[in-house]
Protein backbone atom coordinates (compact mmCIF):
# COMPACT_ATOMS: atom_id res chain seq x y z
CA ALA A 1 174.15 131.86 121.74
CA MET A 2 171.44 129.76 123.38
CA TRP A 3 173.10 130.18 126.77
CA ARG A 4 173.32 133.97 126.33
CA ARG A 5 169.62 134.17 125.45
CA MET A 6 168.61 132.04 128.47
CA SER A 7 170.90 134.07 130.74
CA SER A 8 169.44 137.43 129.65
CA GLY A 9 167.43 139.63 131.96
CA SER A 10 164.15 138.54 130.35
CA SER A 11 164.79 134.95 131.31
CA ARG A 12 165.85 135.86 134.83
CA PRO A 13 163.85 138.80 136.07
CA GLY A 14 165.46 140.17 139.18
CA GLY A 15 168.76 138.47 138.40
CA GLY A 16 168.06 135.46 140.62
CA ARG A 17 169.78 132.11 140.68
CA VAL A 18 170.11 130.33 137.33
CA PRO A 19 167.69 127.35 137.22
CA ARG A 20 169.13 123.86 137.05
CA GLN A 21 167.87 123.23 133.52
CA HIS A 22 169.73 126.33 132.33
CA ILE A 23 172.94 124.92 133.73
CA ILE A 24 172.29 121.72 131.78
CA VAL A 25 171.82 123.71 128.56
CA ARG A 26 175.01 125.61 129.26
CA HIS A 27 176.98 122.38 129.59
CA LEU A 28 175.47 121.02 126.40
CA CYS A 29 176.12 124.24 124.47
CA LEU A 30 179.71 124.43 125.67
CA GLY A 31 180.33 120.76 124.83
CA GLY A 32 180.73 119.76 128.44
CA THR A 33 178.62 116.62 128.40
CA GLY A 34 181.47 114.48 129.60
CA ALA A 35 181.85 116.55 132.74
CA LEU A 36 178.16 117.07 133.32
CA ALA A 37 177.73 114.21 135.77
CA SER A 38 180.68 115.39 137.83
CA SER A 39 179.47 118.97 138.03
CA MET A 40 175.82 118.10 138.62
CA HIS A 41 176.23 115.21 141.04
CA GLY A 42 179.78 114.70 142.10
CA ALA A 43 181.28 112.37 144.68
CA PRO A 44 178.69 113.35 147.36
CA LEU A 45 176.20 111.09 145.58
CA ARG A 46 178.26 108.05 146.48
CA ALA A 47 178.56 109.25 150.06
CA SER A 48 174.81 109.78 150.34
CA PHE A 49 174.19 106.30 148.91
CA ARG A 50 176.43 104.69 151.50
CA ALA A 51 174.82 106.74 154.25
CA ALA A 52 171.36 105.57 153.16
CA THR A 53 172.45 101.92 153.13
CA ALA A 54 174.51 102.22 156.33
CA GLY A 55 177.58 101.09 154.40
CA SER A 56 176.13 97.69 153.47
CA PRO A 57 176.65 96.84 149.79
CA TRP A 58 174.09 94.02 149.46
CA VAL A 59 171.05 94.67 147.24
CA LEU A 60 167.88 92.72 146.35
CA ALA A 61 167.01 92.92 142.65
CA PRO A 62 163.60 93.90 141.29
CA MET A 63 161.55 90.81 140.39
CA VAL A 64 157.94 90.68 139.26
CA ASP A 65 155.82 88.86 141.89
CA GLN A 66 159.03 87.92 143.73
CA SER A 67 160.49 90.97 145.52
CA ASP A 68 157.25 91.43 147.45
CA LEU A 69 157.07 93.13 150.85
CA ALA A 70 157.28 89.94 152.93
CA PHE A 71 160.33 88.72 151.01
CA ARG A 72 162.00 92.14 151.28
CA LEU A 73 161.55 92.09 155.03
CA LEU A 74 163.00 88.56 155.15
CA VAL A 75 166.20 89.36 153.26
CA ARG A 76 166.66 92.58 155.26
CA ARG A 77 166.85 90.42 158.39
CA HIS A 78 169.74 88.52 156.84
CA GLY A 79 172.08 91.19 155.59
CA VAL A 80 170.43 92.94 152.62
CA ALA A 81 170.35 96.73 152.96
CA LEU A 82 168.75 98.08 149.76
CA CYS A 83 165.68 96.44 148.21
CA TYR A 84 163.93 97.05 144.90
CA THR A 85 160.18 96.72 144.52
CA PRO A 86 158.70 94.56 141.77
CA MET A 87 158.48 96.37 138.44
CA LEU A 88 155.55 98.81 138.38
CA HIS A 89 153.94 99.44 134.99
CA ALA A 90 153.72 103.22 134.68
CA GLY A 91 151.17 103.09 131.87
CA LEU A 92 148.64 101.11 133.92
CA ALA A 93 149.19 103.27 136.99
CA ALA A 94 148.87 106.50 135.00
CA ARG A 95 145.61 105.39 133.38
CA ALA A 96 144.18 104.58 136.81
CA ALA A 97 145.23 108.02 138.06
CA ALA A 98 143.62 109.68 135.04
CA ARG A 99 140.33 107.96 135.91
CA GLY A 100 140.57 109.33 139.43
CA ASP A 101 140.95 105.92 141.09
CA ASP A 102 142.13 105.81 144.67
CA PRO A 103 145.77 104.59 144.56
CA ARG A 104 145.08 102.29 147.50
CA HIS A 105 142.52 100.30 145.51
CA SER A 106 143.87 100.65 141.97
CA TYR A 107 146.68 98.90 140.11
CA LEU A 108 149.38 100.35 142.36
CA GLY A 109 147.43 99.41 145.46
CA THR A 110 147.67 95.74 144.50
CA GLN A 111 151.25 95.82 143.22
CA PHE A 112 153.00 98.16 145.66
CA ALA A 113 153.11 97.77 149.43
CA THR A 114 155.54 99.05 152.03
CA ARG A 115 155.79 99.94 155.68
CA ALA A 116 158.04 101.87 158.05
CA ASP A 117 160.76 99.22 158.40
CA ASP A 118 160.92 98.59 154.65
CA ALA A 119 163.74 101.05 154.03
CA PRO A 120 165.86 102.00 152.18
CA LEU A 121 163.74 101.19 149.14
CA VAL A 122 163.93 101.62 145.37
CA ALA A 123 160.67 101.78 143.40
CA GLN A 124 161.21 100.54 139.85
CA LEU A 125 159.08 101.72 136.96
CA ALA A 126 158.57 100.34 133.47
CA ALA A 127 157.92 103.44 131.38
CA HIS A 128 158.51 104.99 127.99
CA CYS A 129 156.29 108.05 128.51
CA PRO A 130 157.65 110.86 130.73
CA ASP A 131 154.18 111.96 131.84
CA ALA A 132 153.17 108.44 132.85
CA ALA A 133 156.41 108.01 134.80
CA HIS A 134 155.83 111.29 136.60
CA ALA A 135 152.21 110.41 137.48
CA THR A 136 153.23 107.00 138.80
CA THR A 137 156.03 108.47 140.90
CA THR A 138 153.56 110.90 142.46
CA GLN A 139 151.26 108.00 143.39
CA VAL A 140 154.14 105.97 144.85
CA LEU A 141 155.19 108.86 147.08
CA GLU A 142 151.58 109.29 148.19
CA LEU A 143 151.25 105.60 149.05
CA CYS A 144 154.47 105.70 151.07
CA ASP A 145 153.18 108.71 152.99
CA ARG A 146 149.87 107.00 153.74
CA ALA A 147 151.67 103.86 154.93
CA GLY A 148 153.88 105.89 157.26
CA ALA A 149 156.95 104.70 155.37
CA PRO A 150 159.92 106.76 154.22
CA ALA A 151 159.97 107.85 150.60
CA PRO A 152 162.04 105.63 148.28
CA VAL A 153 165.65 106.70 148.03
CA TYR A 154 165.47 106.13 144.27
CA VAL A 155 162.83 105.81 141.58
CA ASP A 156 164.39 103.47 139.05
CA VAL A 157 163.71 103.29 135.32
CA ASN A 158 163.74 99.72 134.03
CA LEU A 159 166.03 99.60 130.99
CA GLY A 160 167.18 96.01 131.43
CA CYS A 161 164.18 93.67 131.13
CA PRO A 162 164.81 91.25 128.20
CA GLN A 163 161.38 89.57 128.19
CA LYS A 164 159.01 89.66 125.21
CA ILE A 165 156.43 91.63 127.22
CA ALA A 166 159.00 94.43 127.47
CA LYS A 167 159.25 94.51 123.69
CA LYS A 168 155.48 94.78 123.40
CA GLY A 169 155.31 97.53 126.01
CA SER A 170 158.37 99.47 124.74
CA TYR A 171 160.35 99.40 127.96
CA GLY A 172 163.27 97.54 129.46
CA ALA A 173 166.29 96.62 127.35
CA PHE A 174 164.28 97.18 124.16
CA LEU A 175 163.75 100.85 125.00
CA LEU A 176 167.45 101.26 125.77
CA GLU A 177 168.47 99.76 122.44
CA ARG A 178 165.79 101.13 120.12
CA ASP A 179 164.77 104.52 121.52
CA LEU A 180 167.46 105.97 123.73
CA ASP A 181 165.99 109.47 123.28
CA ALA A 182 162.72 108.35 124.88
CA ALA A 183 164.62 106.72 127.76
CA CYS A 184 166.57 109.94 128.35
CA ALA A 185 163.33 111.94 128.25
CA VAL A 186 161.84 109.75 131.00
CA VAL A 187 164.97 110.12 133.15
CA ASP A 188 165.07 113.89 132.58
CA ARG A 189 161.40 114.32 133.57
CA LEU A 190 161.78 112.24 136.72
CA SER A 191 165.00 113.92 137.81
CA ARG A 192 163.44 117.36 137.41
CA SER A 193 160.21 116.41 139.19
CA LEU A 194 162.17 114.97 142.13
CA GLU A 195 164.41 118.01 142.67
CA GLN A 196 162.52 119.05 145.82
CA GLN A 197 162.23 115.45 147.12
CA PRO A 198 164.69 113.25 149.01
CA THR A 199 164.24 110.75 146.18
CA ARG A 200 166.52 110.60 143.15
CA CYS A 201 166.24 108.96 139.75
CA SER A 202 168.27 105.86 138.84
CA VAL A 203 168.44 103.43 135.92
CA LYS A 204 168.97 99.67 135.67
CA VAL A 205 170.55 98.65 132.37
CA ARG A 206 172.05 95.74 130.51
CA LEU A 207 175.08 95.65 128.26
CA LEU A 208 174.31 96.51 124.65
CA PRO A 209 174.94 93.89 121.96
CA ASP A 210 176.98 96.50 120.03
CA GLY A 211 179.81 96.33 122.54
CA LEU A 212 181.20 97.98 125.65
CA ASP A 213 181.95 101.37 124.07
CA ALA A 214 178.39 101.70 122.78
CA SER A 215 177.08 100.70 126.19
CA ILE A 216 179.13 103.31 128.04
CA ALA A 217 178.11 106.00 125.54
CA ALA A 218 174.42 105.18 126.11
CA TYR A 219 174.86 105.16 129.87
CA ARG A 220 176.55 108.54 129.73
CA ARG A 221 173.54 110.04 128.00
CA LEU A 222 171.32 108.68 130.77
CA VAL A 223 173.58 110.10 133.45
CA ASP A 224 173.67 113.44 131.68
CA ALA A 225 169.86 113.38 131.60
CA GLY A 226 169.81 113.16 135.38
CA ALA A 227 170.35 109.54 136.48
CA ALA A 228 171.95 109.65 139.92
CA MET A 229 172.70 105.91 140.18
CA LEU A 230 173.51 103.19 137.68
CA CYS A 231 172.87 99.46 138.09
CA VAL A 232 174.56 97.34 135.42
CA HIS A 233 173.60 93.77 134.60
CA GLY A 234 176.60 92.11 133.02
CA ARG A 235 174.64 90.39 130.26
CA THR A 236 173.05 91.55 127.02
CA ARG A 237 169.37 91.35 126.14
CA LEU A 238 170.08 88.24 124.08
CA GLN A 239 171.52 86.43 127.12
CA ASN A 240 168.23 85.34 128.62
CA LYS A 241 166.78 82.22 130.25
CA GLN A 242 168.53 79.08 128.95
CA LEU A 243 170.92 81.26 126.91
CA SER A 244 171.92 83.47 129.82
CA GLY A 245 175.52 82.28 130.08
CA ALA A 246 178.06 83.92 132.36
CA ALA A 247 177.89 87.57 133.34
CA ASP A 248 180.73 89.78 132.07
CA TRP A 249 182.31 91.06 135.26
CA GLU A 250 185.13 92.82 133.42
CA ALA A 251 182.65 94.85 131.38
CA MET A 252 180.86 95.88 134.57
CA ARG A 253 184.16 96.98 136.10
CA ALA A 254 184.87 99.07 133.00
CA VAL A 255 181.51 100.78 133.47
CA ARG A 256 182.38 101.43 137.09
CA ARG A 257 185.64 103.13 136.06
CA ALA A 258 183.81 105.21 133.44
CA PHE A 259 181.48 106.72 136.07
CA PRO A 260 183.57 107.35 139.18
CA ASP A 261 181.32 110.05 140.65
CA ILE A 262 177.97 108.25 140.98
CA PRO A 263 176.94 105.01 142.71
CA VAL A 264 177.24 101.97 140.43
CA LEU A 265 175.76 98.59 141.35
CA ALA A 266 176.85 95.28 139.82
CA ASN A 267 174.33 92.58 138.95
CA GLY A 268 174.82 89.11 137.48
CA GLY A 269 176.52 85.80 138.27
CA ILE A 270 176.08 85.85 142.07
CA ALA A 271 175.58 82.30 143.30
CA THR A 272 177.35 82.53 146.67
CA ARG A 273 178.48 85.15 149.12
CA ALA A 274 182.05 84.49 147.98
CA ASP A 275 181.02 85.52 144.46
CA ALA A 276 179.55 88.76 145.77
CA VAL A 277 182.65 89.59 147.78
CA ALA A 278 184.91 88.84 144.81
CA LEU A 279 182.88 91.07 142.51
CA LEU A 280 182.71 93.85 145.08
CA ARG A 281 186.45 93.93 145.73
CA GLY A 282 187.70 93.29 142.22
CA ASP A 283 190.65 91.18 141.18
CA ASP A 284 192.76 92.35 144.09
CA ASP A 285 191.87 93.06 147.70
CA ASP A 286 193.13 96.62 147.57
CA ASP A 287 190.29 98.90 148.70
CA SER A 288 192.33 102.08 148.38
CA ASP A 289 191.10 102.79 144.84
CA ASP A 290 187.55 103.73 145.74
CA SER A 291 186.76 105.01 142.26
CA SER A 292 187.01 101.51 140.77
CA SER A 293 185.04 99.59 143.42
CA PHE A 294 181.31 98.97 143.19
CA ASP A 295 179.00 100.63 145.66
CA GLY A 296 176.79 97.56 145.83
CA VAL A 297 176.24 94.06 144.51
CA MET A 298 172.77 92.96 143.49
CA SER A 299 171.36 89.43 143.45
CA ALA A 300 168.08 88.04 142.12
CA GLU A 301 167.99 84.24 141.75
CA GLY A 302 170.71 83.78 144.35
CA LEU A 303 168.52 85.41 147.02
CA LEU A 304 165.40 83.60 145.85
CA CYS A 305 167.28 80.36 146.40
CA ASP A 306 168.85 81.46 149.70
CA PRO A 307 167.47 84.61 151.39
CA ALA A 308 170.43 84.40 153.78
CA LEU A 309 172.90 84.48 150.88
CA PHE A 310 174.68 87.58 152.19
CA SER A 311 174.66 86.41 155.81
CA ASP A 312 177.73 84.99 157.54
CA GLU A 313 175.73 82.08 158.91
CA VAL A 314 174.12 79.17 157.09
CA ILE A 315 170.40 78.89 157.82
CA ALA A 316 168.29 75.90 156.81
CA ARG A 317 165.87 76.65 154.00
CA ARG A 318 162.91 75.21 155.88
CA ASP A 319 163.65 77.60 158.76
CA LEU A 320 163.78 80.49 156.30
CA ALA A 321 160.49 79.27 154.83
CA ARG A 322 158.81 79.35 158.25
CA GLU A 323 160.21 82.82 158.83
CA TYR A 324 158.81 83.95 155.50
CA LEU A 325 155.38 82.49 156.32
CA ASP A 326 155.30 84.49 159.56
CA LEU A 327 156.09 87.68 157.65
CA ALA A 328 153.55 86.80 154.97
CA ALA A 329 150.89 86.51 157.69
CA GLU A 330 151.90 89.94 159.05
CA VAL A 331 151.63 91.78 155.74
CA GLY A 332 148.87 89.71 154.13
CA ALA A 333 150.97 88.34 151.26
CA ASP A 334 149.36 86.91 148.16
CA THR A 335 149.08 83.11 148.15
CA ALA A 336 150.66 82.92 144.68
CA HIS A 337 153.75 84.74 145.97
CA VAL A 338 153.98 82.41 148.98
CA ARG A 339 153.70 79.32 146.79
CA SER A 340 156.40 80.57 144.41
CA HIS A 341 158.86 81.33 147.20
CA LEU A 342 158.35 78.00 148.94
CA PHE A 343 158.94 76.10 145.72
CA LYS A 344 162.34 77.76 145.43
CA LEU A 345 163.27 77.37 149.10
CA LEU A 346 162.21 73.70 149.19
CA HIS A 347 163.50 72.80 145.74
CA GLY A 348 165.66 69.87 146.84
CA ALA A 349 163.05 68.43 149.19
CA ALA A 350 160.25 68.80 146.65
CA ALA A 351 162.33 66.95 144.06
CA ALA A 352 163.06 64.15 146.53
CA PHE A 353 159.44 63.79 147.71
CA PRO A 354 157.24 64.87 144.79
CA ASP A 355 154.01 63.22 145.90
CA GLU A 356 154.35 64.20 149.55
CA LEU A 357 155.59 67.78 149.07
CA ARG A 358 155.55 69.02 145.49
CA ARG A 359 151.96 68.12 144.69
CA PRO A 360 150.55 69.60 147.93
CA LEU A 361 152.53 72.80 147.32
CA ALA A 362 151.31 73.05 143.74
CA GLU A 363 147.66 72.07 144.13
CA ASP A 364 146.43 71.52 147.68
CA ALA A 365 147.87 74.41 149.69
CA VAL A 366 145.50 77.38 149.78
CA HIS A 367 145.98 79.02 153.16
CA LEU A 368 149.15 79.76 155.12
CA SER A 369 148.26 76.94 157.50
CA ASP A 370 148.41 74.54 154.53
CA PHE A 371 151.95 75.67 153.72
CA ARG A 372 152.96 75.22 157.35
CA ALA A 373 151.54 71.70 157.22
CA VAL A 374 153.81 70.98 154.23
CA LEU A 375 156.82 72.09 156.28
CA ASP A 376 155.73 69.87 159.17
CA ARG A 377 155.41 66.97 156.74
CA LEU A 378 158.95 67.68 155.53
CA ASP A 379 160.28 67.38 159.09
CA VAL A 380 158.71 63.91 159.30
CA LEU A 381 160.02 62.79 155.91
CA ASP A 382 163.52 64.22 156.36
CA PRO A 383 164.32 64.51 160.07
CA GLU A 384 168.08 64.51 159.39
CA ARG A 385 167.70 67.42 156.94
CA THR A 386 169.64 65.66 154.23
CA CYS A 387 167.66 67.57 151.58
CA GLU A 388 169.07 70.90 152.73
CA PRO A 389 171.48 72.42 150.18
CA GLY A 390 174.86 73.72 151.31
CA LYS A 391 175.00 72.43 154.87
CA THR A 392 178.37 74.10 155.44
CA PRO A 393 179.85 77.38 154.18
CA LEU A 394 182.60 75.40 152.45
CA GLU A 395 180.08 73.37 150.44
CA ARG A 396 177.98 76.41 149.69
CA GLY A 397 180.94 78.42 148.50
CA GLU A 398 182.97 75.94 146.52
CA GLN A 399 180.69 73.55 144.65
CA GLU A 400 177.52 73.48 142.62
CA ASP A 401 174.71 72.10 144.72
CA PRO A 402 172.06 69.98 142.95
CA LEU A 403 169.70 70.54 145.89
CA ALA A 404 169.67 74.32 145.38
CA TRP A 405 167.13 75.93 143.07
CA TYR A 406 169.79 78.28 141.64
CA TRP A 407 171.58 75.33 139.99
CA ARG A 408 168.41 73.72 138.60
CA HIS A 409 169.54 74.13 134.96
CA ARG A 410 173.21 73.48 135.57
CA VAL A 411 173.57 70.16 137.42
CA GLU A 412 171.79 66.81 137.58
CA LYS A 413 168.72 66.81 139.79
CA PRO A 414 168.70 64.90 143.10
CA PRO A 415 167.21 61.39 143.14
CA ARG A 416 163.61 60.87 144.07
CA ARG A 417 163.12 59.41 147.56
CA GLU A 418 160.71 56.68 148.56
CA SER A 419 158.11 57.60 151.18
CA SER A 420 158.87 56.66 154.76
CA SER A 421 155.17 56.09 155.49
CA GLN A 422 154.08 52.43 155.58
CA GLU A 423 150.66 53.29 154.11
CA ASP A 424 152.30 54.97 151.14
CA VAL A 425 154.53 51.94 150.60
CA VAL A 426 151.52 49.59 150.55
CA ALA A 427 149.68 51.87 148.14
CA GLU A 428 152.70 52.01 145.87
CA GLU A 429 152.99 48.23 145.78
CA ASP A 430 149.29 47.92 144.97
CA ASP A 431 149.24 50.26 141.99
CA GLY A 432 152.73 49.28 140.82
CA VAL A 433 153.78 52.81 139.91
CA ARG A 434 156.56 53.98 142.21
CA GLY A 435 157.27 50.61 143.75
CA SER A 436 158.16 49.13 140.35
CA THR A 437 160.63 51.83 139.36
CA THR A 438 163.60 50.23 137.63
CA ASP A 439 167.20 51.23 138.08
CA ASP A 440 167.50 52.62 134.57
CA THR A 441 164.80 55.26 135.24
CA THR A 442 166.64 58.51 135.81
CA PRO A 443 165.43 61.38 138.01
CA HIS A 444 165.10 63.47 134.86
CA ALA A 445 162.71 60.92 133.30
CA ARG A 446 160.64 60.70 136.47
CA ASP A 447 160.36 64.49 136.70
CA ALA A 448 159.45 64.69 133.03
CA ALA A 449 156.67 62.15 133.54
CA PHE A 450 155.42 64.03 136.58
CA TYR A 451 155.25 67.35 134.75
CA ALA A 452 153.65 65.69 131.71
CA SER A 453 150.85 64.33 133.87
CA ARG A 454 150.42 67.74 135.50
CA ARG A 455 150.14 69.41 132.10
CA ALA A 456 147.57 66.87 130.96
CA GLU A 457 145.50 67.45 134.10
CA ARG A 458 145.59 71.22 133.64
CA LYS A 459 144.62 70.84 130.00
CA GLU A 460 141.59 68.75 130.91
CA ARG A 461 140.56 71.24 133.58
CA ARG A 462 140.81 74.10 131.11
CA LYS A 463 138.71 72.19 128.58
CA SER A 464 135.96 71.61 131.14
CA VAL A 465 136.03 75.25 132.25
CA PHE A 466 135.83 76.54 128.68
CA ALA A 467 133.03 74.10 127.82
CA ARG A 468 131.05 75.25 130.85
CA LYS A 469 131.56 78.90 129.91
CA ARG A 470 130.40 78.26 126.34
CA LEU A 471 127.30 76.48 127.60
CA LEU A 472 126.43 79.31 129.97
CA LYS A 473 126.94 81.88 127.23
CA LYS A 474 124.72 79.90 124.85
CA GLU A 475 121.98 79.64 127.47
CA ALA A 476 122.22 83.37 128.18
CA LEU A 477 121.66 84.18 124.50
CA LYS A 478 118.44 82.13 124.28
CA PRO A 479 115.18 84.19 124.40
CA PRO A 480 113.48 83.56 127.75
CA ALA A 481 110.18 81.66 127.60
CA LEU A 482 107.52 83.31 129.71
CA VAL A 483 104.96 80.64 130.72
CA THR A 484 102.70 79.96 133.62
CA ALA A 485 104.02 77.92 136.47
CA ALA A 486 100.96 75.68 136.59
CA THR A 487 100.11 74.75 133.02
CA GLY A 488 103.02 75.84 130.87
CA GLY A 489 100.59 77.49 128.47
CA ALA A 490 100.14 81.10 127.47
CA PRO A 491 100.99 83.66 130.11
CA THR A 492 98.09 84.92 132.21
CA PRO A 493 97.60 88.60 133.03
CA GLU A 494 98.59 87.87 136.64
CA SER A 495 101.87 86.25 135.58
CA VAL A 496 102.64 89.12 133.24
CA ARG A 497 102.01 91.63 136.01
CA SER A 498 104.17 89.67 138.47
CA SER A 499 107.03 89.44 135.96
CA SER A 500 106.95 93.18 135.37
CA GLU A 501 107.13 94.31 138.97
CA PRO A 502 109.52 97.16 139.86
CA GLY A 503 113.08 95.99 140.39
CA GLY A 504 113.48 94.07 137.14
CA ARG A 505 111.68 91.41 135.11
CA ARG A 506 110.97 88.12 136.83
CA LEU A 507 110.40 85.07 134.64
CA VAL A 508 107.80 82.56 135.71
CA VAL A 509 108.92 79.26 134.23
CA SER A 510 107.16 75.94 134.64
CA GLU A 511 108.96 73.00 136.21
CA ALA A 512 108.70 71.01 132.98
CA SER A 513 110.17 73.74 130.83
CA SER A 514 113.05 74.38 133.25
C-alpha cells in the first residue's frame, strides 16, 4: 500500500523516473531487504573499487594522530594503495561550520590535510547525528577541492572504535551495539547526500559480542541503508589493548561470503606481508572463487612498525625514518606526529640506547633537524645496524622479532646496550649508575626504572606549572593599589589623570610596593 501511494501520479507529476528512496521503500515493503544490496549496488561496486585502487589490495587503517598526510605518502611509496584519514569528529566539525568558521582554520583545518598525490583516500567520520555527518562531509569535499586533490572515494562511518572516548561520544563500536538505528540513519543520510558525487559511503565495524549471526544481521542493515563498502575488524569491542587476542579470520571470511556484491576489507592480525597474503587468499590458493576473496587487507600497527610492510623488499627502519622526515618537512607535519612515528620506527634502537636515543626523542627533539640528529647519532652508535628488526624476509616472515614495535607486548625486550662513547663510559663509572649494573638486572627492570623516573619528572613539572598558575590567578584577583611612583602615598591628581588616559587604565605603582 505504501508503494502504491508513493508511485501515484501525485508523487510523480509528469510520470518521471522513480526516485532512489522510493525504490528502497518498495524493497522494504515487498520484504526484499536481503536482495537490496544486490539490486542497489551489485558486482560493479567491487569492480569500481579495484579500478580506484589499481588492483592493489593493501590498505592503511584510520588511526588518530597516526595516519597523517606525511605517513600516508610514505606508505603509498611502499605498496599501499588505499589510505584512511585519522578519525574526524563530526560533532566538532559541524559546530565549527554552524559558527561560520573557515574550514581551513577550524577543527577540520587542523585535523584534515591532503594533496593531489594523496589518492585514493577514505575520510573517516565519528558521528551519531546524520546532520553533523552531512555537514562534515560537505566541508571535507570543500577542503579537497581547495587543495587541488581528488574527492575521497569513500566517506567512512566509524563503527569499530572500542575506546572509552567513543562510549562518551556515542560513536564507534558502542553506537553499533547500542543504537543500530542511529548508525543506519547516519549511513542513509550520507549515501543520499553523495548520490551526485563520485564519493560513496562505507562503514568500518567490529564483530559483535553476541556472535557471528548477530554481526552479519547488523551489517546487512547498514548495507541496506546505503553502505557501499564494508571493512571488518576480526575482534569484538571487548578485545582491546592488552586483551586484544587473536583476530578471528574465519568470522571475517564468513562476512565476506555473506556480502558477495560489495567490497569487503579484512582488518586484524597482520604482522607480516605473509599474513596479509594468507588472509587475502584464504585457506587455499584458488583465486577462481572471487565472491569469497577479500577486496583488500588493512593494517594499522603492522604499518606503524614497518611502513614497507607490503613491499617485496626489506628497508631499514632508519632509512624509512629519514624518508618520513623529508615528507614531514614537505607537508609541515606536527612535531607530535613525527615524534610518535620515530618512536615506533626506532623501537629496538631506542630500547638498546635509552640515554642516547630514547631520552632525546622524548624530551630534547623539537625541530625536524633535532630528529635528524638523533638518526645520525644512531648511525654512530650502531654502524652495523644490529638494532634493525627483520634483516631478512625469512626472519621477518617466520619469527617474532623483539626489536620490532609490533611485538612489544608479546616477546621479551632487547637488552640495553652500553654507550660506545668514552666520555659516556667515564661518566657512568663516576656516578655508578649504568656502569654498576649487575647481571641479575633484567631489561624489563631497567625499562621500568627508566619510565618511573620519567613519570616522577613529569609529575614534578606539572606541580610547578600548576603552582605558578595558582599564584598568577591569586595575584590577578587582588585589587590593584594605585599609588604615586615617588612617595607611595595617596594618588595625586596628575597620577589619576595619567592612569585614566584613553586606551585603558594604567597603574602607577611605586618601586617599594611592587
